[in-house]
Protein backbone atom coordinates (compact mmCIF):
# COMPACT_ATOMS: atom_id res chain seq x y z
CA MET A 1 116.53 -114.20 -81.56
CA SER A 2 116.58 -113.43 -77.89
CA ILE A 3 116.17 -109.99 -76.42
CA SER A 4 119.93 -109.87 -75.95
CA GLY A 5 120.34 -108.65 -79.47
CA ILE A 6 118.75 -107.40 -82.62
CA SER A 7 119.08 -109.33 -85.82
CA SER A 8 118.12 -108.89 -89.39
CA SER A 9 118.31 -112.48 -90.49
CA GLY A 10 116.49 -112.97 -93.73
CA HIS A 11 117.32 -109.51 -95.02
CA VAL A 12 120.04 -109.06 -97.62
CA HIS A 13 122.32 -106.06 -97.45
CA PRO A 14 124.71 -105.12 -100.26
CA PRO A 15 128.42 -104.96 -99.71
CA ILE A 16 130.41 -101.82 -99.40
CA ASP A 17 132.88 -101.95 -102.27
CA SER A 18 136.21 -101.71 -100.52
CA ARG A 19 138.21 -103.18 -103.40
CA SER A 20 141.12 -101.23 -104.79
CA SER A 21 140.95 -99.96 -108.36
CA ALA A 22 143.04 -102.96 -109.45
CA GLY A 23 140.66 -105.23 -107.57
CA LYS A 24 137.68 -103.54 -109.22
CA GLU A 25 139.21 -104.09 -112.64
CA GLN A 26 139.74 -107.77 -111.81
CA GLY A 27 136.16 -107.93 -110.55
CA LEU A 28 134.85 -106.42 -113.77
CA ALA A 29 136.89 -108.92 -115.77
CA ARG A 30 135.41 -111.73 -113.65
CA GLU A 31 131.89 -110.36 -114.09
CA GLU A 32 132.35 -110.38 -117.85
CA ALA A 33 133.24 -114.08 -117.59
CA LEU A 34 130.06 -114.80 -115.57
CA THR A 35 126.96 -116.18 -117.18
CA GLU A 36 123.87 -114.02 -117.30
CA ALA A 37 122.35 -116.00 -114.40
CA GLU A 38 125.51 -115.55 -112.34
CA GLN A 39 125.50 -111.80 -113.06
CA ARG A 40 121.88 -111.62 -111.83
CA GLU A 41 122.89 -113.51 -108.70
CA VAL A 42 125.76 -111.07 -108.07
CA ALA A 43 123.39 -108.13 -108.54
CA GLU A 44 120.96 -109.69 -106.04
CA LEU A 45 123.78 -110.33 -103.56
CA GLU A 46 125.01 -106.76 -103.92
CA ALA A 47 121.49 -105.45 -103.26
CA ARG A 48 121.11 -107.75 -100.27
CA ASP A 49 124.47 -106.64 -98.87
CA ARG A 50 123.44 -102.95 -99.06
CA GLU A 51 120.10 -103.73 -97.39
CA VAL A 52 121.68 -105.77 -94.55
CA ARG A 53 124.30 -103.12 -93.83
CA ALA A 54 121.71 -100.31 -93.81
CA HIS A 55 119.45 -102.41 -91.56
CA GLU A 56 122.19 -103.01 -89.00
CA ALA A 57 123.37 -99.39 -89.17
CA ALA A 58 119.82 -98.31 -88.21
CA HIS A 59 119.93 -100.59 -85.16
CA VAL A 60 123.32 -99.18 -84.12
CA ALA A 61 122.22 -95.56 -84.58
CA ALA A 62 119.01 -95.99 -82.56
CA GLY A 63 120.64 -98.22 -79.93
CA GLY A 64 123.20 -95.61 -78.96
CA GLY A 65 124.89 -96.41 -75.67
CA LEU A 66 123.03 -99.70 -75.34
CA VAL A 67 124.94 -101.25 -78.25
CA THR A 68 127.47 -103.69 -76.79
CA SER A 69 129.17 -104.61 -80.06
CA GLY A 70 129.15 -103.34 -83.59
CA ALA A 71 127.24 -105.13 -86.28
CA THR A 72 128.37 -108.65 -87.13
CA TYR A 73 127.49 -110.18 -90.45
CA SER A 74 127.05 -113.57 -92.01
CA PHE A 75 128.44 -113.74 -95.53
CA ARG A 76 127.90 -115.65 -98.72
CA THR A 77 130.46 -115.90 -101.47
CA GLY A 78 129.03 -115.01 -104.86
CA PRO A 79 129.90 -116.59 -108.19
CA ASP A 80 132.33 -113.70 -108.68
CA GLY A 81 134.37 -114.85 -105.65
CA GLU A 82 133.37 -111.81 -103.54
CA ARG A 83 131.79 -112.09 -100.08
CA TYR A 84 128.40 -110.45 -99.54
CA ALA A 85 126.61 -109.82 -96.24
CA VAL A 86 123.34 -111.75 -96.25
CA GLY A 87 122.46 -111.42 -92.56
CA GLY A 88 123.53 -109.43 -89.56
CA GLU A 89 123.16 -108.81 -85.89
CA VAL A 90 123.71 -106.02 -83.38
CA ARG A 91 124.01 -106.89 -79.70
CA ILE A 92 122.46 -104.54 -77.18
CA ASP A 93 122.36 -104.37 -73.39
CA THR A 94 118.91 -105.45 -72.24
CA SER A 95 119.57 -105.59 -68.52
CA GLU A 96 117.34 -103.65 -66.15
CA GLY A 97 118.34 -100.17 -65.02
CA SER A 98 119.20 -99.29 -61.44
CA THR A 99 115.74 -97.73 -60.92
CA PRO A 100 112.33 -98.49 -62.41
CA GLU A 101 112.46 -95.13 -64.22
CA GLU A 102 115.84 -96.02 -65.76
CA THR A 103 114.51 -99.45 -66.74
CA ALA A 104 111.48 -97.90 -68.46
CA ASP A 105 113.68 -95.44 -70.37
CA LYS A 106 116.07 -98.22 -71.36
CA ALA A 107 113.20 -100.44 -72.52
CA ARG A 108 111.88 -97.64 -74.73
CA GLN A 109 115.30 -97.26 -76.34
CA ILE A 110 115.59 -101.03 -76.87
CA ALA A 111 112.21 -101.05 -78.65
CA ALA A 112 113.22 -98.04 -80.76
CA ALA A 113 116.48 -99.74 -81.73
CA ALA A 114 114.68 -102.94 -82.64
CA LEU A 115 112.19 -101.13 -84.87
CA ALA A 116 114.64 -98.60 -86.34
CA PRO A 117 115.17 -100.26 -89.74
CA ALA A 118 112.73 -99.45 -92.52
CA ASP A 119 111.69 -103.11 -92.64
CA PRO A 120 112.10 -104.73 -89.19
CA SER A 121 112.41 -108.50 -89.22
CA SER A 122 110.11 -110.77 -87.20
CA GLN A 123 112.96 -111.19 -84.74
CA ASP A 124 113.26 -107.40 -84.43
CA ARG A 125 109.53 -107.22 -83.68
CA GLN A 126 109.91 -109.90 -80.98
CA VAL A 127 112.70 -107.91 -79.33
CA ALA A 128 110.52 -104.79 -79.42
CA ALA A 129 107.59 -106.69 -77.87
CA LYS A 130 109.80 -107.96 -75.03
CA ALA A 131 111.12 -104.44 -74.48
CA ARG A 132 107.57 -103.08 -74.29
CA ALA A 133 106.71 -105.74 -71.69
CA MET A 134 109.84 -104.75 -69.75
CA GLU A 135 108.72 -101.11 -69.87
CA ALA A 136 105.19 -102.01 -68.72
CA GLU A 137 106.60 -103.90 -65.72
CA ALA A 138 108.82 -100.95 -64.83
CA ARG A 139 105.88 -98.53 -65.13
CA ALA A 140 103.77 -100.75 -62.86
CA GLU A 141 106.61 -100.76 -60.32
CA ILE A 142 106.82 -96.95 -60.52
CA VAL A 143 103.07 -96.64 -59.83
CA ALA A 144 103.30 -99.06 -56.89
CA LEU A 145 106.27 -97.19 -55.39
CA ARG A 146 104.52 -93.83 -55.71
CA ALA A 147 101.36 -95.22 -54.09
CA GLU A 148 103.47 -96.59 -51.24
CA GLU A 149 105.22 -93.23 -50.81
CA ALA A 150 101.88 -91.39 -50.79
CA GLN A 151 100.55 -93.81 -48.17
CA ARG A 152 103.60 -93.27 -45.96
CA GLY A 153 103.28 -89.52 -46.38
CA SER A 154 99.62 -89.46 -45.34
CA GLU A 155 100.35 -91.54 -42.24
CA GLN A 156 103.01 -89.05 -41.15
CA GLU A 157 100.66 -86.09 -41.65
CA ASP A 158 97.89 -87.42 -39.35
CA PRO A 159 96.12 -84.27 -38.08
CA ALA A 160 95.41 -85.82 -34.66
CA THR A 161 99.06 -86.42 -33.95
CA PRO A 162 100.06 -82.81 -33.03
CA VAL A 163 97.10 -82.40 -30.66
CA HIS A 164 97.87 -85.69 -29.02
CA ASP A 165 101.52 -84.68 -28.59
CA LEU A 166 100.52 -81.29 -27.10
CA SER A 167 98.12 -82.95 -24.69
CA ARG A 168 100.91 -85.11 -23.42
CA ALA A 169 103.30 -82.20 -23.25
CA TYR A 170 100.89 -80.17 -21.14
CA GLY A 171 99.62 -83.15 -19.20
CA ASN A 172 96.05 -82.54 -20.32
CA SER A 173 96.13 -79.47 -18.11
CA ALA A 174 93.96 -77.23 -20.24
CA PRO A 175 91.44 -75.48 -17.99
CA SER A 176 87.97 -76.99 -17.97
CA GLY A 177 85.56 -75.56 -20.42
CA ARG A 178 88.29 -74.18 -22.58
CA SER A 179 89.56 -75.79 -25.73
CA VAL A 180 92.95 -75.59 -27.28
CA ASP A 181 93.13 -75.15 -31.03
CA VAL A 182 96.25 -76.36 -32.75
CA TYR A 183 96.88 -75.55 -36.37
CA ALA A 184 99.34 -77.47 -38.39
């Protein structure tokens, strides 16, 4: 997956049972008609559905304002005719901030969102690694900007400058043998 989103492909999340009581009764009747192997498969799909949904919910919670869309899921229909989430994805904004400081903060949140689930996928780890690289670049830019600002500041505070300006102002007319002390 690219850094434009966080995915949990390969993780199964169980479904949220949103069936009505009549639907649940029909589901139970169908489950009774399933073979033992099919019932095991349904149980595995239900467990996967819960895991996937919890995984994506962790991404959403940690991503906060960077989440650009809610979780989307890929589904598999079980032998009972129900659809179960078997993979999911959460899209997040991975653009740079308007300042290096904002970019570094944003990158930290992206990494946190990617690693929020209890068991991050390899794709989640890749997103976190890219976010850490983005943060490192922003931090390097911050250091460079501060060094540049410090350099400009020291050039403006040159101690010889006020004396030079006073000499010009008074036309180097200080009496011979006397010195003029200027304190900044």
